[in-house]
Amino acid sequence: MAYAYLFKYIVIGDSGVGKSCLLLQFTDKRFLSSHNLTVGVEFGSRMITINDKKIKLQIWDTAGQESFRSIARSYYRGAAGALLVYDITKRDTFNHLHTWLEDARKNSSSHIVIVLVGNKSDLEDQRVVQREEGEAFAREHGMVFLETSARTATNVEEAFICIAKGIYRKILRGQFDLNSEGSGVKIGPQPLSIRPSGSTIRSGSQGSGDRLGCC
């Protein structure tokens, strides 16, 4: 299928925070209550639309176990976007965000767009990380923050598309070198005309007509 751009994403965070479930919910609209831990990396893709342009998202879900960190880092290279995920019911996964963020910014595109995601918002009665803590961390590091639930699909669509909107803005500003292999953005197999910066960005899933307030 023809598309205007391809954006490379990574999904990062500790093991068990629900990264694979978020990816599955976004690409396949389904949830698995029991999911094996990711070994190395998993891959998914989906087409979305921004400003009437079809954009293909190529999404790499990385393993969170320490033993696979070196493998996962190799997939950071050339990533234009990232979901940085923690589990609102597990304090350690929030405490480790600094390390994941440092890895992402060191090993991926210098213009990477990162959205911080507090997952498992459906488990409110088990919450140990308050929403305000996630908001404060995101604000400190210049990220958008969303709480999601892969089980109920709450904010899953918004999180992935929010990143694409941020990347698209940077393309309009000329911040991504579209001729560089390491930019995380590739021009797709069709002619395209980029609107001048300052144009309004609309986005949503292909054919859904969704509108987002984030980013």
N, C-alpha and C. Protein backbone atom coordinates (compact mmCIF):
# COMPACT_ATOMS: atom_id res chain seq x y z
N MET A 1 0.84 -1.19 0.00
CA MET A 1 0.00 0.00 0.00
C MET A 1 0.88 1.24 0.00
N ALA A 2 0.53 2.23 -0.83
CA ALA A 2 1.30 3.47 -0.90
C ALA A 2 1.11 4.28 0.37
N TYR A 3 2.14 5.01 0.76
CA TYR A 3 2.06 5.89 1.92
C TYR A 3 3.08 7.01 1.75
N ALA A 4 2.85 8.10 2.46
CA ALA A 4 3.72 9.27 2.34
C ALA A 4 5.01 9.12 3.12
N TYR A 5 4.90 8.59 4.34
CA TYR A 5 6.07 8.43 5.20
C TYR A 5 6.00 7.10 5.95
N LEU A 6 7.18 6.65 6.36
CA LEU A 6 7.28 5.56 7.33
C LEU A 6 7.99 6.10 8.56
N PHE A 7 7.37 5.90 9.74
CA PHE A 7 7.96 6.32 11.02
C PHE A 7 8.35 5.07 11.80
N LYS A 8 9.58 5.03 12.30
CA LYS A 8 10.02 3.93 13.15
C LYS A 8 9.81 4.30 14.62
N TYR A 9 9.13 3.39 15.36
CA TYR A 9 8.88 3.56 16.79
C TYR A 9 9.60 2.45 17.56
N ILE A 10 9.87 2.75 18.84
CA ILE A 10 10.23 1.71 19.79
C ILE A 10 9.31 1.83 21.01
N VAL A 11 9.05 0.70 21.65
CA VAL A 11 8.27 0.68 22.90
C VAL A 11 9.21 0.15 23.98
N ILE A 12 9.47 0.97 25.00
CA ILE A 12 10.49 0.63 25.99
C ILE A 12 9.93 0.74 27.41
N GLY A 13 10.59 0.04 28.33
CA GLY A 13 10.19 0.04 29.74
C GLY A 13 10.47 -1.33 30.33
N ASP A 14 10.29 -1.43 31.64
CA ASP A 14 10.58 -2.67 32.34
C ASP A 14 9.73 -3.84 31.84
N SER A 15 10.21 -5.03 32.11
CA SER A 15 9.46 -6.24 31.79
C SER A 15 8.15 -6.27 32.56
N GLY A 16 7.07 -6.66 31.87
CA GLY A 16 5.78 -6.85 32.54
C GLY A 16 4.92 -5.61 32.66
N VAL A 17 5.34 -4.48 32.07
CA VAL A 17 4.53 -3.27 32.18
C VAL A 17 3.39 -3.23 31.17
N GLY A 18 3.40 -4.17 30.22
CA GLY A 18 2.31 -4.25 29.25
C GLY A 18 2.65 -3.69 27.87
N LYS A 19 3.93 -3.64 27.54
CA LYS A 19 4.34 -3.08 26.25
C LYS A 19 3.75 -3.88 25.08
N SER A 20 3.88 -5.20 25.14
CA SER A 20 3.37 -6.04 24.05
C SER A 20 1.86 -5.95 23.95
N CYS A 21 1.18 -5.83 25.08
CA CYS A 21 -0.28 -5.71 25.08
C CYS A 21 -0.73 -4.39 24.48
N LEU A 22 0.03 -3.32 24.75
CA LEU A 22 -0.28 -2.03 24.14
C LEU A 22 -0.14 -2.11 22.62
N LEU A 23 0.96 -2.73 22.17
CA LEU A 23 1.18 -2.88 20.74
C LEU A 23 0.08 -3.69 20.09
N LEU A 24 -0.30 -4.80 20.71
CA LEU A 24 -1.34 -5.67 20.16
C LEU A 24 -2.69 -4.96 20.11
N GLN A 25 -2.98 -4.19 21.14
CA GLN A 25 -4.24 -3.44 21.16
C GLN A 25 -4.27 -2.40 20.05
N PHE A 26 -3.13 -1.75 19.80
CA PHE A 26 -3.07 -0.72 18.77
C PHE A 26 -3.13 -1.30 17.37
N THR A 27 -2.42 -2.39 17.13
CA THR A 27 -2.35 -2.95 15.77
C THR A 27 -3.50 -3.88 15.45
N ASP A 28 -3.98 -4.64 16.46
CA ASP A 28 -4.99 -5.68 16.19
C ASP A 28 -6.31 -5.47 16.92
N LYS A 29 -6.38 -4.44 17.77
CA LYS A 29 -7.61 -4.16 18.53
C LYS A 29 -8.04 -5.34 19.39
N ARG A 30 -7.06 -5.98 20.04
CA ARG A 30 -7.41 -7.07 20.93
C ARG A 30 -6.45 -7.12 22.11
N PHE A 31 -6.88 -7.82 23.16
CA PHE A 31 -6.10 -7.92 24.39
C PHE A 31 -5.98 -9.38 24.79
N LEU A 32 -4.75 -9.78 25.15
CA LEU A 32 -4.51 -11.13 25.67
C LEU A 32 -4.24 -11.03 27.16
N SER A 33 -5.09 -11.69 27.96
CA SER A 33 -4.91 -11.61 29.41
C SER A 33 -3.64 -12.32 29.85
N SER A 34 -3.20 -13.31 29.06
CA SER A 34 -1.94 -13.98 29.37
C SER A 34 -1.04 -13.86 28.16
N HIS A 35 0.13 -13.23 28.38
CA HIS A 35 1.05 -12.95 27.27
C HIS A 35 2.46 -13.29 27.73
N ASN A 36 3.16 -14.13 26.95
CA ASN A 36 4.53 -14.48 27.30
C ASN A 36 5.42 -13.24 27.25
N LEU A 37 6.42 -13.22 28.13
CA LEU A 37 7.37 -12.11 28.13
C LEU A 37 8.10 -12.06 26.80
N THR A 38 8.32 -10.84 26.32
CA THR A 38 9.02 -10.66 25.05
C THR A 38 10.48 -11.08 25.20
N VAL A 39 10.95 -11.88 24.24
CA VAL A 39 12.36 -12.28 24.20
C VAL A 39 13.00 -11.56 23.02
N GLY A 40 13.93 -10.65 23.30
CA GLY A 40 14.54 -9.85 22.24
C GLY A 40 13.62 -8.72 21.84
N VAL A 41 12.98 -8.84 20.68
CA VAL A 41 12.05 -7.81 20.21
C VAL A 41 10.86 -8.45 19.50
N GLU A 42 9.74 -7.74 19.50
CA GLU A 42 8.59 -8.11 18.68
C GLU A 42 8.28 -6.94 17.77
N PHE A 43 7.53 -7.21 16.72
CA PHE A 43 7.31 -6.19 15.69
C PHE A 43 5.83 -6.09 15.34
N GLY A 44 5.38 -4.87 15.09
CA GLY A 44 4.02 -4.65 14.60
C GLY A 44 4.00 -3.43 13.70
N SER A 45 2.98 -3.30 12.88
CA SER A 45 2.87 -2.12 12.02
C SER A 45 1.41 -1.78 11.82
N ARG A 46 1.19 -0.53 11.48
CA ARG A 46 -0.18 -0.08 11.19
C ARG A 46 -0.12 1.21 10.38
N MET A 47 -1.12 1.39 9.53
CA MET A 47 -1.23 2.60 8.74
C MET A 47 -2.18 3.57 9.45
N ILE A 48 -1.78 4.84 9.53
CA ILE A 48 -2.65 5.87 10.07
C ILE A 48 -2.71 7.02 9.07
N THR A 49 -3.50 8.04 9.39
CA THR A 49 -3.60 9.21 8.51
C THR A 49 -3.39 10.48 9.31
N ILE A 50 -2.50 11.36 8.82
CA ILE A 50 -2.30 12.68 9.40
C ILE A 50 -2.36 13.69 8.26
N ASN A 51 -3.19 14.73 8.43
CA ASN A 51 -3.32 15.74 7.38
C ASN A 51 -3.56 15.11 6.00
N ASP A 52 -4.42 14.11 5.98
CA ASP A 52 -4.79 13.43 4.73
C ASP A 52 -3.62 12.69 4.09
N LYS A 53 -2.55 12.48 4.83
CA LYS A 53 -1.41 11.71 4.33
C LYS A 53 -1.35 10.37 5.05
N LYS A 54 -1.21 9.31 4.32
CA LYS A 54 -1.07 7.99 4.92
C LYS A 54 0.35 7.84 5.44
N ILE A 55 0.45 7.37 6.68
CA ILE A 55 1.75 7.17 7.34
C ILE A 55 1.79 5.76 7.89
N LYS A 56 2.86 5.05 7.56
CA LYS A 56 3.04 3.70 8.08
C LYS A 56 3.89 3.76 9.34
N LEU A 57 3.38 3.18 10.42
CA LEU A 57 4.13 3.09 11.67
C LEU A 57 4.76 1.71 11.76
N GLN A 58 6.06 1.69 11.93
CA GLN A 58 6.82 0.44 12.10
C GLN A 58 7.25 0.42 13.56
N ILE A 59 6.69 -0.49 14.35
CA ILE A 59 6.81 -0.43 15.81
C ILE A 59 7.57 -1.64 16.35
N TRP A 60 8.65 -1.37 17.06
CA TRP A 60 9.47 -2.42 17.66
C TRP A 60 9.25 -2.44 19.16
N ASP A 61 8.76 -3.56 19.66
CA ASP A 61 8.50 -3.76 21.09
C ASP A 61 9.72 -4.47 21.68
N THR A 62 10.42 -3.80 22.57
CA THR A 62 11.68 -4.33 23.09
C THR A 62 11.49 -5.08 24.41
N ALA A 63 12.33 -6.08 24.64
CA ALA A 63 12.28 -6.85 25.88
C ALA A 63 12.75 -5.97 27.04
N GLY A 64 12.08 -6.12 28.19
CA GLY A 64 12.43 -5.29 29.34
C GLY A 64 13.42 -5.94 30.29
N GLN A 65 13.68 -7.25 30.12
CA GLN A 65 14.60 -7.92 31.04
C GLN A 65 16.03 -7.41 30.83
N GLU A 66 16.75 -7.29 31.90
CA GLU A 66 18.12 -6.77 31.84
C GLU A 66 18.99 -7.59 30.90
N SER A 67 18.78 -8.91 30.84
CA SER A 67 19.61 -9.78 30.01
C SER A 67 19.46 -9.49 28.52
N PHE A 68 18.36 -8.81 28.12
CA PHE A 68 18.14 -8.51 26.71
C PHE A 68 18.36 -7.03 26.38
N ARG A 69 18.84 -6.25 27.34
CA ARG A 69 18.96 -4.81 27.11
C ARG A 69 19.92 -4.48 25.97
N SER A 70 21.02 -5.22 25.87
CA SER A 70 21.99 -4.92 24.82
C SER A 70 21.39 -5.20 23.44
N ILE A 71 20.57 -6.26 23.34
CA ILE A 71 19.89 -6.56 22.07
C ILE A 71 18.89 -5.46 21.74
N ALA A 72 18.13 -5.06 22.75
CA ALA A 72 17.09 -4.05 22.54
C ALA A 72 17.69 -2.73 22.09
N ARG A 73 18.85 -2.37 22.64
CA ARG A 73 19.47 -1.09 22.29
C ARG A 73 19.77 -0.98 20.81
N SER A 74 20.06 -2.10 20.17
CA SER A 74 20.39 -2.06 18.74
C SER A 74 19.18 -1.62 17.91
N TYR A 75 17.97 -1.80 18.46
CA TYR A 75 16.76 -1.39 17.73
C TYR A 75 16.41 0.07 17.97
N TYR A 76 17.11 0.71 18.92
CA TYR A 76 16.87 2.13 19.16
C TYR A 76 17.37 2.96 17.99
N ARG A 77 18.42 2.48 17.32
CA ARG A 77 19.04 3.27 16.28
C ARG A 77 18.04 3.59 15.17
N GLY A 78 17.94 4.85 14.84
CA GLY A 78 17.02 5.25 13.80
C GLY A 78 15.56 5.30 14.22
N ALA A 79 15.28 5.31 15.52
CA ALA A 79 13.89 5.44 15.98
C ALA A 79 13.52 6.91 16.06
N ALA A 80 12.39 7.26 15.46
CA ALA A 80 11.92 8.65 15.49
C ALA A 80 10.92 8.87 16.62
N GLY A 81 10.36 7.79 17.14
CA GLY A 81 9.37 7.92 18.21
C GLY A 81 9.48 6.80 19.21
N ALA A 82 9.04 7.06 20.45
CA ALA A 82 9.11 6.03 21.48
C ALA A 82 7.96 6.18 22.47
N LEU A 83 7.41 5.04 22.88
CA LEU A 83 6.54 4.97 24.04
C LEU A 83 7.40 4.50 25.20
N LEU A 84 7.49 5.31 26.24
CA LEU A 84 8.22 4.95 27.46
C LEU A 84 7.17 4.55 28.48
N VAL A 85 7.13 3.27 28.83
CA VAL A 85 5.99 2.70 29.56
C VAL A 85 6.38 2.25 30.97
N TYR A 86 5.53 2.58 31.94
CA TYR A 86 5.66 2.01 33.28
C TYR A 86 4.28 1.50 33.71
N ASP A 87 4.28 0.74 34.79
CA ASP A 87 3.06 0.13 35.33
C ASP A 87 2.65 0.91 36.58
N ILE A 88 1.45 1.48 36.59
CA ILE A 88 1.04 2.31 37.72
C ILE A 88 0.89 1.50 39.01
N THR A 89 0.91 0.17 38.91
CA THR A 89 0.78 -0.67 40.11
C THR A 89 2.14 -1.17 40.63
N LYS A 90 3.24 -0.77 39.96
CA LYS A 90 4.57 -1.25 40.37
C LYS A 90 5.55 -0.08 40.42
N ARG A 91 5.92 0.30 41.64
CA ARG A 91 6.77 1.46 41.85
C ARG A 91 8.13 1.33 41.15
N ASP A 92 8.71 0.14 41.14
CA ASP A 92 10.03 -0.04 40.54
C ASP A 92 10.04 0.35 39.07
N THR A 93 8.95 0.04 38.37
CA THR A 93 8.91 0.34 36.94
C THR A 93 8.93 1.84 36.69
N PHE A 94 8.41 2.61 37.63
CA PHE A 94 8.47 4.06 37.54
C PHE A 94 9.86 4.57 37.90
N ASN A 95 10.45 3.96 38.92
CA ASN A 95 11.78 4.38 39.37
C ASN A 95 12.85 4.16 38.31
N HIS A 96 12.62 3.21 37.41
CA HIS A 96 13.62 2.88 36.39
C HIS A 96 13.48 3.73 35.12
N LEU A 97 12.54 4.66 35.09
CA LEU A 97 12.31 5.45 33.88
C LEU A 97 13.53 6.25 33.45
N HIS A 98 14.28 6.76 34.41
CA HIS A 98 15.46 7.57 34.08
C HIS A 98 16.43 6.78 33.19
N THR A 99 16.65 5.50 33.55
CA THR A 99 17.58 4.67 32.79
C THR A 99 17.08 4.44 31.37
N TRP A 100 15.79 4.12 31.23
CA TRP A 100 15.22 3.89 29.90
C TRP A 100 15.28 5.16 29.04
N LEU A 101 14.98 6.28 29.66
CA LEU A 101 14.98 7.53 28.92
C LEU A 101 16.39 7.89 28.46
N GLU A 102 17.37 7.67 29.33
CA GLU A 102 18.76 7.94 28.96
C GLU A 102 19.20 7.07 27.79
N ASP A 103 18.83 5.77 27.84
CA ASP A 103 19.16 4.85 26.74
C ASP A 103 18.54 5.32 25.42
N ALA A 104 17.27 5.71 25.47
CA ALA A 104 16.56 6.13 24.25
C ALA A 104 17.21 7.36 23.64
N ARG A 105 17.50 8.34 24.45
CA ARG A 105 18.05 9.58 23.93
C ARG A 105 19.50 9.44 23.48
N LYS A 106 20.19 8.48 24.05
CA LYS A 106 21.59 8.27 23.68
C LYS A 106 21.71 7.47 22.39
N ASN A 107 20.80 6.52 22.16
CA ASN A 107 20.96 5.55 21.06
C ASN A 107 20.05 5.75 19.87
N SER A 108 19.10 6.70 19.94
CA SER A 108 18.15 6.87 18.84
C SER A 108 18.35 8.23 18.18
N SER A 109 17.42 8.62 17.32
CA SER A 109 17.48 9.91 16.63
C SER A 109 17.54 11.05 17.64
N SER A 110 18.31 12.07 17.32
CA SER A 110 18.43 13.21 18.24
C SER A 110 17.12 13.98 18.34
N HIS A 111 16.20 13.76 17.41
CA HIS A 111 14.91 14.46 17.43
C HIS A 111 13.77 13.53 17.83
N ILE A 112 14.09 12.43 18.49
CA ILE A 112 13.07 11.45 18.86
C ILE A 112 11.94 12.10 19.66
N VAL A 113 10.71 11.70 19.35
CA VAL A 113 9.52 12.16 20.07
C VAL A 113 9.11 11.05 21.03
N ILE A 114 9.07 11.36 22.33
CA ILE A 114 8.78 10.34 23.34
C ILE A 114 7.51 10.71 24.10
N VAL A 115 6.62 9.76 24.25
CA VAL A 115 5.43 9.92 25.08
C VAL A 115 5.56 8.99 26.28
N LEU A 116 5.37 9.54 27.47
CA LEU A 116 5.41 8.75 28.70
C LEU A 116 4.03 8.16 28.95
N VAL A 117 4.00 6.85 29.19
CA VAL A 117 2.74 6.12 29.35
C VAL A 117 2.71 5.39 30.70
N GLY A 118 1.73 5.72 31.51
CA GLY A 118 1.46 4.97 32.73
C GLY A 118 0.38 3.95 32.41
N ASN A 119 0.76 2.68 32.27
CA ASN A 119 -0.18 1.66 31.81
C ASN A 119 -0.90 0.98 32.98
N LYS A 120 -1.97 0.28 32.63
CA LYS A 120 -2.82 -0.49 33.56
C LYS A 120 -3.71 0.43 34.40
N SER A 121 -4.23 1.48 33.77
CA SER A 121 -5.10 2.41 34.49
C SER A 121 -6.41 1.76 34.92
N ASP A 122 -6.70 0.57 34.37
CA ASP A 122 -7.91 -0.15 34.80
C ASP A 122 -7.75 -0.77 36.19
N LEU A 123 -6.50 -0.80 36.69
CA LEU A 123 -6.24 -1.38 38.02
C LEU A 123 -6.09 -0.27 39.06
N GLU A 124 -7.05 0.64 39.06
CA GLU A 124 -6.98 1.80 39.95
C GLU A 124 -6.87 1.42 41.42
N ASP A 125 -7.53 0.33 41.80
CA ASP A 125 -7.50 -0.08 43.21
C ASP A 125 -6.13 -0.62 43.63
N GLN A 126 -5.25 -0.89 42.65
CA GLN A 126 -3.90 -1.37 42.97
C GLN A 126 -2.83 -0.30 42.71
N ARG A 127 -3.23 0.91 42.41
CA ARG A 127 -2.31 1.98 42.04
C ARG A 127 -1.33 2.29 43.18
N VAL A 128 -0.05 2.42 42.80
CA VAL A 128 0.97 2.87 43.76
C VAL A 128 1.71 4.11 43.24
N VAL A 129 1.62 4.36 41.94
CA VAL A 129 2.23 5.56 41.35
C VAL A 129 1.10 6.52 40.99
N GLN A 130 1.09 7.67 41.62
CA GLN A 130 0.01 8.63 41.40
C GLN A 130 0.15 9.32 40.05
N ARG A 131 -0.96 9.68 39.48
CA ARG A 131 -0.96 10.35 38.17
C ARG A 131 -0.08 11.60 38.20
N GLU A 132 -0.12 12.34 39.30
CA GLU A 132 0.65 13.57 39.41
C GLU A 132 2.15 13.31 39.30
N GLU A 133 2.60 12.14 39.74
CA GLU A 133 4.02 11.79 39.65
C GLU A 133 4.41 11.59 38.18
N GLY A 134 3.56 10.91 37.43
CA GLY A 134 3.83 10.73 36.01
C GLY A 134 3.83 12.05 35.27
N GLU A 135 2.87 12.91 35.59
CA GLU A 135 2.80 14.23 34.95
C GLU A 135 4.05 15.04 35.25
N ALA A 136 4.52 14.98 36.49
CA ALA A 136 5.71 15.75 36.89
C ALA A 136 6.95 15.25 36.17
N PHE A 137 7.10 13.92 36.05
CA PHE A 137 8.27 13.36 35.36
C PHE A 137 8.25 13.77 33.88
N ALA A 138 7.09 13.68 33.27
CA ALA A 138 6.97 14.04 31.86
C ALA A 138 7.28 15.52 31.65
N ARG A 139 6.77 16.35 32.53
CA ARG A 139 7.00 17.80 32.41
C ARG A 139 8.49 18.11 32.56
N GLU A 140 9.13 17.47 33.50
CA GLU A 140 10.56 17.69 33.74
C GLU A 140 11.41 17.34 32.53
N HIS A 141 10.98 16.31 31.78
CA HIS A 141 11.79 15.81 30.66
C HIS A 141 11.21 16.15 29.30
N GLY A 142 10.24 17.05 29.26
CA GLY A 142 9.72 17.54 28.00
C GLY A 142 8.95 16.52 27.20
N MET A 143 8.12 15.72 27.88
CA MET A 143 7.33 14.68 27.21
C MET A 143 5.85 14.91 27.44
N VAL A 144 5.03 14.37 26.55
CA VAL A 144 3.59 14.28 26.78
C VAL A 144 3.34 13.07 27.68
N PHE A 145 2.34 13.16 28.54
CA PHE A 145 2.02 12.07 29.46
C PHE A 145 0.58 11.61 29.28
N LEU A 146 0.39 10.28 29.24
CA LEU A 146 -0.93 9.68 29.18
C LEU A 146 -0.96 8.44 30.06
N GLU A 147 -2.10 8.21 30.72
CA GLU A 147 -2.32 6.92 31.38
C GLU A 147 -3.20 6.09 30.45
N THR A 148 -2.83 4.80 30.31
CA THR A 148 -3.50 3.93 29.36
C THR A 148 -3.93 2.63 30.03
N SER A 149 -4.79 1.92 29.33
CA SER A 149 -5.11 0.54 29.69
C SER A 149 -5.15 -0.29 28.42
N ALA A 150 -4.22 -1.23 28.29
CA ALA A 150 -4.24 -2.13 27.14
C ALA A 150 -5.48 -3.02 27.19
N ARG A 151 -5.98 -3.30 28.39
CA ARG A 151 -7.15 -4.17 28.54
C ARG A 151 -8.41 -3.50 27.99
N THR A 152 -8.63 -2.23 28.36
CA THR A 152 -9.85 -1.54 27.94
C THR A 152 -9.64 -0.66 26.71
N ALA A 153 -8.40 -0.55 26.26
CA ALA A 153 -8.00 0.29 25.11
C ALA A 153 -8.01 1.78 25.42
N THR A 154 -8.16 2.14 26.68
CA THR A 154 -8.18 3.55 27.06
C THR A 154 -6.87 4.24 26.69
N ASN A 155 -6.95 5.27 25.87
CA ASN A 155 -5.82 6.12 25.48
C ASN A 155 -4.71 5.40 24.69
N VAL A 156 -4.93 4.17 24.28
CA VAL A 156 -3.90 3.45 23.52
C VAL A 156 -3.73 4.09 22.14
N GLU A 157 -4.85 4.29 21.46
CA GLU A 157 -4.81 4.95 20.15
C GLU A 157 -4.14 6.32 20.26
N GLU A 158 -4.55 7.07 21.27
CA GLU A 158 -4.03 8.42 21.46
C GLU A 158 -2.52 8.43 21.67
N ALA A 159 -2.00 7.47 22.44
CA ALA A 159 -0.57 7.45 22.74
C ALA A 159 0.27 7.26 21.48
N PHE A 160 -0.09 6.28 20.67
CA PHE A 160 0.69 6.00 19.46
C PHE A 160 0.56 7.14 18.43
N ILE A 161 -0.65 7.66 18.26
CA ILE A 161 -0.85 8.69 17.25
C ILE A 161 -0.28 10.03 17.70
N CYS A 162 -0.27 10.26 19.01
CA CYS A 162 0.33 11.48 19.55
C CYS A 162 1.80 11.59 19.13
N ILE A 163 2.51 10.49 19.15
CA ILE A 163 3.91 10.48 18.73
C ILE A 163 4.01 10.85 17.25
N ALA A 164 3.15 10.24 16.44
CA ALA A 164 3.18 10.53 15.00
C ALA A 164 2.93 12.00 14.71
N LYS A 165 2.02 12.61 15.46
CA LYS A 165 1.75 14.04 15.28
C LYS A 165 3.00 14.86 15.60
N GLY A 166 3.70 14.48 16.67
CA GLY A 166 4.92 15.19 17.04
C GLY A 166 6.01 15.06 15.99
N ILE A 167 6.16 13.85 15.44
CA ILE A 167 7.15 13.63 14.38
C ILE A 167 6.79 14.44 13.15
N TYR A 168 5.51 14.44 12.79
CA TYR A 168 5.08 15.17 11.60
C TYR A 168 5.35 16.67 11.74
N ARG A 169 5.11 17.21 12.93
CA ARG A 169 5.43 18.63 13.16
C ARG A 169 6.90 18.91 12.91
N LYS A 170 7.74 17.99 13.39
CA LYS A 170 9.19 18.19 13.22
C LYS A 170 9.60 18.07 11.75
N ILE A 171 8.91 17.25 10.99
CA ILE A 171 9.18 17.17 9.55
C ILE A 171 8.86 18.52 8.90
N LEU A 172 7.72 19.10 9.26
CA LEU A 172 7.33 20.38 8.69
C LEU A 172 8.34 21.48 9.04
N ARG A 173 8.95 21.34 10.21
CA ARG A 173 9.95 22.34 10.64
C ARG A 173 11.34 22.05 10.07
N GLY A 174 11.48 20.93 9.37
CA GLY A 174 12.76 20.58 8.79
C GLY A 174 13.76 20.00 9.77
N GLN A 175 13.27 19.46 10.90
CA GLN A 175 14.18 18.94 11.92
C GLN A 175 14.67 17.53 11.62
N PHE A 176 13.95 16.79 10.80
CA PHE A 176 14.38 15.45 10.41
C PHE A 176 15.04 15.49 9.04
N ASP A 177 16.20 14.86 8.94
CA ASP A 177 16.86 14.72 7.65
C ASP A 177 16.28 13.48 6.96
N LEU A 178 15.42 13.71 5.99
CA LEU A 178 14.72 12.60 5.35
C LEU A 178 15.62 11.75 4.47
N ASN A 179 16.84 12.21 4.24
CA ASN A 179 17.79 11.42 3.45
C ASN A 179 18.73 10.60 4.32
N SER A 180 18.58 10.73 5.64
CA SER A 180 19.46 10.02 6.57
C SER A 180 18.82 8.72 7.03
N GLU A 181 19.57 7.63 6.97
CA GLU A 181 19.08 6.32 7.43
C GLU A 181 18.77 6.34 8.92
N GLY A 182 19.46 7.20 9.66
CA GLY A 182 19.30 7.21 11.11
C GLY A 182 18.22 8.13 11.63
N SER A 183 17.46 8.76 10.74
CA SER A 183 16.46 9.73 11.20
C SER A 183 15.21 9.07 11.76
N GLY A 184 14.94 7.83 11.35
CA GLY A 184 13.72 7.16 11.79
C GLY A 184 12.51 7.51 10.95
N VAL A 185 12.72 8.33 9.91
CA VAL A 185 11.64 8.73 9.01
C VAL A 185 12.08 8.45 7.58
N LYS A 186 11.22 7.79 6.83
CA LYS A 186 11.51 7.54 5.41
C LYS A 186 10.35 8.02 4.56
N ILE A 187 10.67 8.56 3.39
CA ILE A 187 9.63 8.94 2.45
C ILE A 187 9.07 7.67 1.81
N GLY A 188 7.75 7.58 1.78
CA GLY A 188 7.10 6.38 1.26
C GLY A 188 7.08 6.32 -0.26
N PRO A 189 6.58 5.22 -0.80
CA PRO A 189 6.57 4.98 -2.25
C PRO A 189 5.43 5.69 -2.98
N GLN A 190 5.37 7.01 -2.83
CA GLN A 190 4.40 7.78 -3.60
C GLN A 190 4.81 9.25 -3.57
N PRO A 191 4.45 10.02 -4.58
CA PRO A 191 4.74 11.46 -4.55
C PRO A 191 3.99 12.11 -3.41
N LEU A 192 4.56 13.15 -2.83
CA LEU A 192 3.87 13.85 -1.76
C LEU A 192 4.23 15.31 -1.80
N SER A 193 3.33 16.12 -1.29
CA SER A 193 3.61 17.55 -1.15
C SER A 193 3.42 17.90 0.31
N ILE A 194 4.48 18.40 0.93
CA ILE A 194 4.43 18.72 2.35
C ILE A 194 3.85 20.11 2.54
N ARG A 195 2.87 20.22 3.41
CA ARG A 195 2.27 21.52 3.65
C ARG A 195 3.27 22.40 4.40
N PRO A 196 3.21 23.70 4.22
CA PRO A 196 4.14 24.57 4.93
C PRO A 196 3.91 24.52 6.42
N SER A 197 4.97 24.81 7.18
CA SER A 197 4.84 24.80 8.63
C SER A 197 3.79 25.81 9.03
N GLY A 198 3.10 25.46 10.14
CA GLY A 198 2.01 26.30 10.59
C GLY A 198 0.66 25.76 10.17
N SER A 199 0.64 24.75 9.28
CA SER A 199 -0.63 24.17 8.89
C SER A 199 -1.18 23.33 10.03
N THR A 200 -2.49 23.18 10.07
CA THR A 200 -3.13 22.44 11.15
C THR A 200 -2.92 20.95 10.96
N ILE A 201 -2.64 20.27 12.05
CA ILE A 201 -2.43 18.83 11.99
C ILE A 201 -3.68 18.13 12.50
N ARG A 202 -4.23 17.25 11.67
CA ARG A 202 -5.35 16.42 12.08
C ARG A 202 -4.86 14.99 12.02
N SER A 203 -5.36 14.16 12.92
CA SER A 203 -4.90 12.78 12.87
C SER A 203 -5.95 11.84 13.40
N GLY A 204 -5.73 10.57 13.05
CA GLY A 204 -6.63 9.54 13.53
C GLY A 204 -6.28 8.26 12.84
N SER A 205 -6.93 7.17 13.22
CA SER A 205 -6.67 5.90 12.55
C SER A 205 -7.25 5.98 11.16
N GLN A 206 -6.71 5.17 10.28
CA GLN A 206 -7.12 5.21 8.87
C GLN A 206 -8.62 4.96 8.76
N GLY A 207 -9.33 5.95 8.24
CA GLY A 207 -10.75 5.79 8.02
C GLY A 207 -11.60 6.00 9.25
N SER A 208 -10.98 6.32 10.41
CA SER A 208 -11.78 6.42 11.63
C SER A 208 -12.33 7.81 11.85
N GLY A 209 -11.61 8.84 11.34
CA GLY A 209 -12.07 10.22 11.56
C GLY A 209 -11.81 10.69 12.97
N ASP A 210 -11.00 9.99 13.76
CA ASP A 210 -10.73 10.40 15.14
C ASP A 210 -10.02 11.74 15.15
N ARG A 211 -10.22 12.50 16.24
CA ARG A 211 -9.50 13.73 16.47
C ARG A 211 -8.90 13.66 17.87
N LEU A 212 -7.66 14.11 18.00
CA LEU A 212 -6.97 14.00 19.28
C LEU A 212 -6.69 15.37 19.85
N GLY A 213 -6.69 15.44 21.19
CA GLY A 213 -6.37 16.70 21.85
C GLY A 213 -4.94 16.74 22.34
N CYS A 214 -4.24 15.62 22.36
CA CYS A 214 -2.87 15.61 22.89
C CYS A 214 -1.89 16.10 21.85
N CYS A 215 -0.65 16.37 22.31
CA CYS A 215 0.42 16.83 21.41
C CYS A 215 0.00 18.06 20.64
